[in-house]
Each structure stands twice: as C-alpha cells, then as structure tokens.
Amino acid sequence: MNRLYLLALSFVVTACASADPETWPDEPWAMTFLPDGRLLVTEMSGRVLIVTQDGDKSAPLSGVPVVDYGGQGGLGDVVLHPQFAENGVIYLSYAEAGDGNKRGAAIARGTLALDSNGAGSLHNMTVIWRQSPKVTGRGHYGHRIAFSADGYLFIASGDRQKFDPAQDMKSNLGKVIRLHDDGTVPSDNPFADQGGVTAEIWSLGHRNPLGIAFDSQGRLWNQEMGPAHGDELNLVLRGHNYGYPIVSNGDHYSGQEIPDHDTRPEFEKPKAYWVPAISPGGLMFYDGNLFPEWKGNAFLGGLGSESLIRVEIDGDTAREVERFDMGKRIREEEQGPNGAIWILEDEKGGRLLKLTPKL
C-alpha cells in the first residue's frame, strides 16, 4: 500500500487500490463493505469487484445486469440488504436502455454467492424499480440507494436533465422514492392513495441527487448538484417539495436566473448550499471512534472541487466547517468497520483511499 502523508490534513491517506490497464480500467462509482471487511466496488462500465482492505481485487462478478454505459450512465450504487448476513441479498442501480434511444435508471436485487477463491457471482438479479418515463440523454440518473433502520428502501432519482419532471407527480424523475425491500409500495407513503408511480414518491423537486444517507437520529438527507452553482444538502422530509426547477440558489447554465428558495417559502429550503459549486459526489454520516471529534458530521465528496467536505449538523441546521483538498475528483465516501473513512476517486485511474488519524 502507498501511504500518502498530506501535511495540511488531519489524517493519513493510504492508497489501497489504484487503476491499471489490466485490473481496474473503468471509473469506480460506489462501494459497500461486506461482513468480512472486504468491499464490493462498482465500475461504471458494468463490473463489480470484491476488493480487500489491502487493495487486492477479485475477478469481476458474473451475473451483473447489462448496463447502458455512456455519459453519466452506467453501473451505479451497490448496497446490502439489512439482513444480508442471513439472505445474501444485494441491490445494484444502473442505467438501462429502452426503446427509441431512451434510457432510465433501474434497481435490481439478487443474491451474492462468494466462492473459495475470493471472488463470487450474482444470481436471480431481478429489476424491482425503474425510472418512469425513460427519456433521451445520458445525464442526471441519480440512482443512489439507502436503507432506513426500519428496513425501507430509499432511492434518489434524478431529473434526467429534463427539468419539469421534478414537479410532475405522474413521473418518478426528480424525486426521492420509498419502497419495501422487494420493490412494492408501502401503503403509508404520502401519495400512496394516488396509485401508479405517484405512490412511490416520498419527496419531490430534486435535480441530480448523487448522495443519500441517514444520520444517527434516523433522519434522511440528500445532496444534489445544483445547476450553475447552488449545490444543496437537504433534510428530506415526508411529502415535501424542494422546488426544482422553480427555485434554486443557482442559475441555469445559459445564464438565465432561477428565483432563490427565499422567494417561495412554500418550498423546502436546503440546510446548506454552495455558491460557487462543489459538485458533490456521495454522502456519509460519521459515527466511528477513530475520529471522535467528527461524530455526527456529514461528509460530501467534491467532484469539480476535488475535495472532501466536512459539514457540521446542529439540530436541523448544517454548515461546512472544513474542506480538504484531495487533488482528485471524489465520487464516494464510506465509513469502514473500524471507523476509518474510505473514499473512491472518480474517473479512469480512480483510487480507493483509506483515511486514518495522524499519529
């Protein structure tokens, strides 16, 4: 392992795995820890690898669904079922091709079988949710996944760069979705009585949510990219509307202004926002013991800002308190079994890094 001592930081960065032309050629996008301490790592082109904490990589898992790779699309998130130790069930999100050059995100679940050689295979992968409708283009899939403590599956669904669907209750684009673990719709969802995809919706008015996580109190948060600036960290509340594209603290890339949240109090405001943009990737709440002073803090990766951003949560308010220059686009962050912080760099050549306190 290559240990990188960054004197400006309060931690040591250990490069555990890096790209090479033979074993890690594609963009890493997501990771999750197995009970034995190894990681599942996804790559956008459609591979899932098992990676040890020393950086040894398995052969790609078989049984991965066919992904539509291109632009911002491909294989996305990976999470374990809350009872994974008993049932072996995992979930993958990915971009899926449709008819007429249209695409959308999908969530599939199946079982992971581990073999004696340190690799494995996926079985009975079945799609349990799809973005509706499929649309043209290859941007803003979102498709991050998180389980609540009481076993509900939450999905961050991007607006697919189509703007208006985020406010369209007949579409599940630009929404946060709440489902049972098998993809069925809970009867107590806020719009369950309306049926169809509307019944799936937990909150609406989101743009491109690329991180979703629960804090220690069981509250759901998401981060999402704003248009030209105005990236957001939101406390996601049942049935609330977060206003996009009607309001934003950023503006359209064309320069056309979008009214700020303060002008429309009926929409839920972000708890923190960034102008200029940080281009957030991933979201994690820290509750480990290696960095006790950071307990309860949120961490966001910075893609365009090439940073790791620490956000202090106080009640239902949030503020950035520290920004670490990482020198690379940061796609995701996860807390490891012993409290270390693990991050994935973005794009080809992206490394798996482990952050531990300085001695």
Protein backbone atom coordinates (compact mmCIF):
# COMPACT_ATOMS: atom_id res chain seq x y z
CA MET A 1 0.00 0.00 0.00
CA ASN A 2 1.15 3.51 -0.80
CA ARG A 3 0.91 5.83 2.19
CA LEU A 4 0.45 9.47 1.27
CA TYR A 5 1.15 11.89 4.12
CA LEU A 6 -0.66 15.13 3.38
CA LEU A 7 0.63 17.59 5.96
CA ALA A 8 -2.26 20.00 5.54
CA LEU A 9 -4.74 17.32 6.57
CA SER A 10 -5.62 15.89 9.97
CA PHE A 11 -5.45 12.34 8.63
CA VAL A 12 -3.20 9.95 6.74
CA VAL A 13 -4.28 8.91 3.26
CA THR A 14 -3.48 5.32 2.29
CA ALA A 15 -3.88 4.35 -1.36
CA CYS A 16 -5.24 0.82 -1.16
CA ALA A 17 -6.07 0.20 -4.82
CA SER A 18 -5.42 2.14 -7.99
CA ALA A 19 -6.23 1.72 -11.63
CA ASP A 20 -4.05 -0.19 -14.03
CA PRO A 21 -4.84 -1.15 -17.62
CA GLU A 22 -5.44 -4.81 -16.78
CA THR A 23 -7.33 -4.92 -13.50
CA TRP A 24 -9.13 -1.61 -12.90
CA PRO A 25 -9.67 0.17 -16.23
CA ASP A 26 -13.05 1.80 -15.62
CA GLU A 27 -14.49 4.51 -13.43
CA PRO A 28 -15.22 3.35 -9.85
CA TRP A 29 -18.59 4.67 -8.71
CA ALA A 30 -19.76 3.05 -5.48
CA MET A 31 -18.67 0.73 -2.69
CA THR A 32 -20.04 -1.06 0.33
CA PHE A 33 -18.47 -3.26 3.00
CA LEU A 34 -19.18 -6.97 3.29
CA PRO A 35 -19.46 -8.50 6.79
CA ASP A 36 -15.94 -9.98 6.42
CA GLY A 37 -14.44 -6.49 5.90
CA ARG A 38 -13.94 -6.72 2.14
CA LEU A 39 -15.61 -4.25 -0.18
CA LEU A 40 -17.86 -4.53 -3.17
CA VAL A 41 -16.84 -1.86 -5.69
CA THR A 42 -18.80 -0.97 -8.82
CA GLU A 43 -17.38 0.47 -12.02
CA MET A 44 -19.49 2.44 -14.44
CA SER A 45 -18.78 0.16 -17.40
CA GLY A 46 -20.60 -2.67 -15.64
CA ARG A 47 -18.15 -4.55 -13.42
CA VAL A 48 -18.47 -5.40 -9.75
CA LEU A 49 -15.25 -6.32 -7.93
CA ILE A 50 -14.52 -7.68 -4.48
CA VAL A 51 -11.63 -5.69 -3.02
CA THR A 52 -9.72 -6.41 0.17
CA GLN A 53 -8.66 -3.64 2.50
CA ASP A 54 -5.12 -4.18 1.21
CA GLY A 55 -6.27 -3.45 -2.32
CA ASP A 56 -6.33 -6.98 -3.77
CA LYS A 57 -9.05 -7.25 -6.40
CA SER A 58 -11.10 -10.26 -7.43
CA ALA A 59 -12.14 -11.21 -10.91
CA PRO A 60 -15.33 -9.36 -11.90
CA LEU A 61 -18.50 -10.91 -10.53
CA SER A 62 -20.67 -12.75 -13.02
CA GLY A 63 -24.41 -12.14 -13.26
CA VAL A 64 -24.30 -8.33 -13.33
CA PRO A 65 -27.20 -6.84 -15.35
CA VAL A 66 -26.44 -5.31 -18.75
CA VAL A 67 -25.88 -1.58 -18.28
CA ASP A 68 -26.20 1.30 -20.71
CA TYR A 69 -22.73 2.81 -20.37
CA GLY A 70 -22.08 6.33 -21.60
CA GLY A 71 -22.19 9.94 -20.46
CA GLN A 72 -23.17 9.94 -16.78
CA GLY A 73 -24.76 6.49 -17.11
CA GLY A 74 -23.60 3.00 -16.34
CA LEU A 75 -23.42 0.81 -13.27
CA GLY A 76 -24.08 2.84 -10.15
CA ASP A 77 -24.75 2.13 -6.50
CA VAL A 78 -24.37 -1.10 -4.54
CA VAL A 79 -25.92 -1.76 -1.12
CA LEU A 80 -26.53 -4.81 1.04
CA HIS A 81 -29.92 -5.88 2.28
CA PRO A 82 -30.24 -5.14 6.02
CA GLN A 83 -30.32 -8.92 6.63
CA PHE A 84 -27.54 -9.68 4.16
CA ALA A 85 -25.76 -11.98 6.62
CA GLU A 86 -28.81 -14.25 6.55
CA ASN A 87 -30.13 -13.85 3.00
CA GLY A 88 -27.14 -12.74 0.87
CA VAL A 89 -29.28 -10.18 -0.99
CA ILE A 90 -27.68 -7.15 -2.63
CA TYR A 91 -29.02 -4.24 -4.70
CA LEU A 92 -27.47 -2.59 -7.76
CA SER A 93 -28.54 0.58 -9.55
CA TYR A 94 -27.68 1.17 -13.18
CA ALA A 95 -28.64 2.93 -16.41
CA GLU A 96 -30.90 0.77 -18.54
CA ALA A 97 -31.56 1.13 -22.29
CA GLY A 98 -35.11 1.35 -23.59
CA ASP A 99 -36.85 1.79 -26.92
CA GLY A 100 -36.26 4.71 -29.25
CA ASN A 101 -32.87 5.72 -27.86
CA LYS A 102 -34.41 6.34 -24.44
CA ARG A 103 -32.90 5.35 -21.10
CA GLY A 104 -33.59 5.35 -17.41
CA ALA A 105 -32.20 4.14 -14.10
CA ALA A 106 -33.18 0.75 -12.72
CA ILE A 107 -32.71 -1.04 -9.40
CA ALA A 108 -32.14 -4.81 -9.38
CA ARG A 109 -31.84 -7.16 -6.45
CA GLY A 110 -30.39 -10.66 -6.28
CA THR A 111 -28.15 -12.87 -4.19
CA LEU A 112 -24.37 -12.79 -3.90
CA ALA A 113 -22.58 -16.14 -3.74
CA LEU A 114 -18.95 -15.99 -2.58
CA ASP A 115 -16.52 -18.69 -3.70
CA SER A 116 -13.38 -20.09 -2.08
CA ASN A 117 -11.13 -18.12 -4.44
CA GLY A 118 -12.14 -14.73 -3.08
CA ALA A 119 -14.50 -13.94 -5.95
CA GLY A 120 -18.19 -14.52 -6.44
CA SER A 121 -21.28 -14.36 -8.62
CA LEU A 122 -24.71 -12.76 -8.63
CA HIS A 123 -27.85 -14.83 -9.03
CA ASN A 124 -31.51 -14.15 -9.79
CA MET A 125 -30.98 -10.45 -10.40
CA THR A 126 -34.47 -9.03 -10.81
CA VAL A 127 -35.45 -5.43 -11.54
CA ILE A 128 -37.69 -4.10 -8.74
CA TRP A 129 -37.87 -0.41 -9.78
CA ARG A 130 -37.42 1.73 -12.88
CA GLN A 131 -37.40 5.43 -13.62
CA SER A 132 -40.59 6.37 -15.43
CA PRO A 133 -40.70 7.56 -18.10
CA LYS A 134 -37.50 6.63 -19.90
CA VAL A 135 -36.19 9.67 -21.76
CA THR A 136 -33.41 10.60 -24.18
CA GLY A 137 -29.99 11.70 -22.95
CA ARG A 138 -27.41 10.26 -20.58
CA GLY A 139 -27.39 12.60 -17.61
CA HIS A 140 -28.81 13.03 -14.11
CA TYR A 141 -29.74 9.46 -13.27
CA GLY A 142 -29.08 9.99 -9.56
CA HIS A 143 -29.83 6.37 -8.56
CA ARG A 144 -28.24 6.35 -5.11
CA ILE A 145 -29.76 3.86 -2.65
CA ALA A 146 -30.10 3.73 1.15
CA PHE A 147 -31.97 1.59 3.68
CA SER A 148 -33.64 3.08 6.72
CA ALA A 149 -33.25 1.47 10.13
CA ASP A 150 -36.79 0.09 9.83
CA GLY A 151 -36.00 -1.62 6.53
CA TYR A 152 -37.44 0.69 3.88
CA LEU A 153 -35.57 1.19 0.60
CA PHE A 154 -35.00 4.81 -0.44
CA ILE A 155 -33.90 5.76 -3.95
CA ALA A 156 -32.64 9.15 -5.14
CA SER A 157 -33.99 9.61 -8.66
CA GLY A 158 -32.53 12.38 -10.84
CA ASP A 159 -34.48 14.66 -13.16
CA ARG A 160 -32.57 13.30 -16.22
CA GLN A 161 -31.78 16.90 -17.29
CA LYS A 162 -35.42 17.38 -18.25
CA PHE A 163 -36.30 19.96 -15.54
CA ASP A 164 -40.12 19.80 -15.38
CA PRO A 165 -40.48 16.11 -14.42
CA ALA A 166 -39.16 17.01 -10.95
CA GLN A 167 -42.57 18.68 -10.34
CA ASP A 168 -44.66 16.17 -12.31
CA MET A 169 -46.46 13.82 -9.94
CA LYS A 170 -47.06 11.33 -12.77
CA SER A 171 -43.30 10.84 -13.11
CA ASN A 172 -40.78 9.46 -10.62
CA LEU A 173 -37.95 11.59 -12.04
CA GLY A 174 -36.53 14.27 -9.74
CA LYS A 175 -37.91 12.50 -6.68
CA VAL A 176 -36.87 10.56 -3.59
CA ILE A 177 -38.62 7.19 -3.66
CA ARG A 178 -39.63 4.95 -0.72
CA LEU A 179 -40.30 1.23 -1.23
CA HIS A 180 -40.38 -2.05 0.62
CA ASP A 181 -37.24 -4.14 0.17
CA ASP A 182 -38.93 -6.13 -2.63
CA GLY A 183 -39.88 -3.00 -4.59
CA THR A 184 -43.53 -2.89 -3.58
CA VAL A 185 -45.02 0.40 -2.42
CA PRO A 186 -45.74 0.99 1.28
CA SER A 187 -49.35 1.84 1.98
CA ASP A 188 -48.32 4.74 4.23
CA ASN A 189 -46.32 6.64 1.60
CA PRO A 190 -47.53 10.27 1.40
CA PHE A 191 -49.16 9.89 -2.03
CA ALA A 192 -49.97 6.16 -1.88
CA ASP A 193 -53.68 6.73 -2.49
CA GLN A 194 -52.94 8.20 -5.95
CA GLY A 195 -51.52 4.92 -7.25
CA GLY A 196 -49.05 4.33 -10.08
CA VAL A 197 -45.58 5.85 -9.85
CA THR A 198 -47.06 8.68 -7.77
CA ALA A 199 -47.48 6.23 -4.90
CA GLU A 200 -43.70 5.66 -4.83
CA ILE A 201 -42.86 9.30 -4.13
CA TRP A 202 -41.51 10.36 -0.74
CA SER A 203 -40.38 13.87 -1.73
CA LEU A 204 -40.14 15.86 -4.96
CA GLY A 205 -38.47 18.83 -6.63
CA HIS A 206 -34.96 17.36 -6.73
CA ARG A 207 -32.42 17.87 -9.53
CA ASN A 208 -29.48 15.45 -9.56
CA PRO A 209 -29.20 13.74 -6.15
CA LEU A 210 -25.87 11.91 -6.02
CA GLY A 211 -25.83 11.11 -2.33
CA ILE A 212 -28.43 9.87 0.15
CA ALA A 213 -27.83 8.79 3.76
CA PHE A 214 -29.38 8.54 7.20
CA ASP A 215 -27.93 10.32 10.21
CA SER A 216 -27.64 8.84 13.71
CA GLN A 217 -31.16 10.04 14.54
CA GLY A 218 -32.59 8.12 11.58
CA ARG A 219 -33.25 11.27 9.55
CA LEU A 220 -32.82 11.09 5.78
CA TRP A 221 -30.56 13.59 4.00
CA ASN A 222 -29.57 14.00 0.39
CA GLN A 223 -27.11 16.10 -1.51
CA GLU A 224 -27.71 17.17 -5.05
CA MET A 225 -25.95 19.11 -7.76
CA GLY A 226 -27.44 22.49 -8.48
CA PRO A 227 -27.46 23.91 -12.00
CA ALA A 228 -24.74 26.58 -12.34
CA HIS A 229 -23.85 26.62 -8.63
CA GLY A 230 -26.38 26.19 -5.82
CA ASP A 231 -25.43 22.62 -4.81
CA GLU A 232 -27.61 21.51 -1.90
CA LEU A 233 -27.64 19.45 1.28
CA ASN A 234 -31.26 18.69 2.18
CA LEU A 235 -33.03 17.17 5.15
CA VAL A 236 -35.52 15.02 3.24
CA LEU A 237 -38.98 15.20 4.79
CA ARG A 238 -42.08 13.16 4.03
CA GLY A 239 -44.14 14.68 1.24
CA HIS A 240 -42.12 17.90 0.95
CA ASN A 241 -41.31 19.72 -2.27
CA TYR A 242 -37.74 21.01 -2.70
CA GLY A 243 -38.66 23.35 -5.51
CA TYR A 244 -36.54 22.48 -8.53
CA PRO A 245 -36.72 23.79 -11.26
CA ILE A 246 -38.97 26.58 -9.96
CA VAL A 247 -36.43 27.68 -7.35
CA SER A 248 -32.71 27.12 -6.82
CA ASN A 249 -29.83 29.02 -5.29
CA GLY A 250 -28.04 28.54 -8.61
CA ASP A 251 -28.98 29.59 -12.13
CA HIS A 252 -29.32 27.88 -15.49
CA TYR A 253 -26.12 27.23 -17.43
CA SER A 254 -27.44 29.62 -20.07
CA GLY A 255 -27.20 32.42 -17.52
CA GLN A 256 -30.96 32.63 -17.09
CA GLU A 257 -31.72 33.35 -13.46
CA ILE A 258 -33.74 30.97 -11.28
CA PRO A 259 -35.51 32.53 -8.26
CA ASP A 260 -33.85 31.67 -4.94
CA HIS A 261 -35.58 29.50 -2.35
CA ASP A 262 -36.26 32.55 -0.18
CA THR A 263 -38.69 33.88 -2.79
CA ARG A 264 -41.00 30.86 -2.49
CA PRO A 265 -41.49 29.85 1.15
CA GLU A 266 -43.84 27.00 0.20
CA PHE A 267 -40.80 25.03 -0.99
CA GLU A 268 -38.41 23.34 1.42
CA LYS A 269 -35.07 25.16 1.60
CA PRO A 270 -31.70 23.35 1.66
CA LYS A 271 -29.99 23.16 5.05
CA ALA A 272 -26.71 24.11 3.36
CA TYR A 273 -25.88 25.23 -0.16
CA TRP A 274 -22.76 26.11 -2.11
CA VAL A 275 -22.06 29.08 -4.35
CA PRO A 276 -19.63 28.56 -6.04
CA ALA A 277 -20.43 24.90 -6.67
CA ILE A 278 -18.59 21.97 -5.11
CA SER A 279 -20.16 19.39 -7.49
CA PRO A 280 -20.95 16.92 -4.71
CA GLY A 281 -20.40 13.17 -5.03
CA GLY A 282 -21.57 10.78 -2.32
CA LEU A 283 -22.81 11.47 1.21
CA MET A 284 -21.84 9.87 4.51
CA PHE A 285 -22.59 10.49 8.19
CA TYR A 286 -19.74 9.59 10.53
CA ASP A 287 -20.33 7.76 13.83
CA GLY A 288 -17.00 5.97 14.36
CA ASN A 289 -14.38 6.21 17.09
CA LEU A 290 -11.20 6.84 15.06
CA PHE A 291 -12.22 10.49 14.62
CA PRO A 292 -14.34 11.09 17.77
CA GLU A 293 -14.47 14.85 17.20
CA TRP A 294 -16.26 14.20 13.89
CA LYS A 295 -19.12 12.10 15.24
CA GLY A 296 -22.42 13.21 13.76
CA ASN A 297 -20.75 15.16 10.94
CA ALA A 298 -21.67 14.71 7.30
CA PHE A 299 -19.03 14.23 4.61
CA LEU A 300 -19.52 15.07 0.95
CA GLY A 301 -17.11 14.30 -1.84
CA GLY A 302 -16.30 17.10 -4.25
CA LEU A 303 -16.12 16.21 -7.92
CA GLY A 304 -15.41 19.54 -9.59
CA SER A 305 -13.94 20.92 -6.35
CA GLU A 306 -11.64 17.86 -5.92
CA SER A 307 -12.22 17.91 -2.19
CA LEU A 308 -13.63 16.18 0.84
CA ILE A 309 -16.04 18.45 2.68
CA ARG A 310 -16.96 18.13 6.35
CA VAL A 311 -20.33 19.52 7.40
CA GLU A 312 -21.38 20.05 11.00
CA ILE A 313 -25.01 19.23 11.82
CA ASP A 314 -26.65 21.11 14.68
CA GLY A 315 -30.29 20.14 15.08
CA ASP A 316 -31.78 20.73 11.67
CA THR A 317 -29.12 23.22 10.56
CA ALA A 318 -25.94 22.42 8.68
CA ARG A 319 -22.76 24.30 7.75
CA GLU A 320 -19.47 23.50 6.10
CA VAL A 321 -16.69 23.60 8.70
CA GLU A 322 -13.72 22.10 6.89
CA ARG A 323 -12.62 21.35 3.34
CA PHE A 324 -9.76 19.01 2.48
CA ASP A 325 -8.06 19.45 -0.88
CA MET A 326 -7.70 15.92 -2.27
CA GLY A 327 -6.34 16.84 -5.70
CA LYS A 328 -8.75 14.43 -7.43
CA ARG A 329 -12.47 14.21 -8.09
CA ILE A 330 -14.09 12.37 -5.16
CA ARG A 331 -17.01 10.14 -6.11
CA GLU A 332 -17.99 8.42 -2.83
CA GLU A 333 -17.24 8.07 0.88
CA GLU A 334 -17.96 5.20 3.27
CA GLN A 335 -17.16 4.53 6.92
CA GLY A 336 -15.16 1.33 7.36
CA PRO A 337 -15.64 -1.34 10.03
CA ASN A 338 -13.04 0.17 12.39
CA GLY A 339 -14.05 3.81 11.86
CA ALA A 340 -11.64 4.71 9.05
CA ILE A 341 -13.07 6.81 6.24
CA TRP A 342 -12.79 5.27 2.78
CA ILE A 343 -13.16 7.28 -0.41
CA LEU A 344 -13.30 6.50 -4.11
CA GLU A 345 -11.69 8.80 -6.63
CA ASP A 346 -13.63 9.34 -9.83
CA GLU A 347 -12.86 8.53 -13.46
CA LYS A 348 -10.20 6.31 -15.01
CA GLY A 349 -7.27 5.92 -12.65
CA GLY A 350 -9.51 6.48 -9.63
CA ARG A 351 -8.06 5.06 -6.43
CA LEU A 352 -9.58 3.51 -3.34
CA LEU A 353 -8.23 5.51 -0.38
CA LYS A 354 -8.33 4.92 3.36
CA LEU A 355 -8.21 7.88 5.76
CA THR A 356 -6.91 7.30 9.30
CA PRO A 357 -5.83 9.79 12.02
CA LYS A 358 -2.28 11.10 12.08
CA LEU A 359 -0.19 9.67 14.87
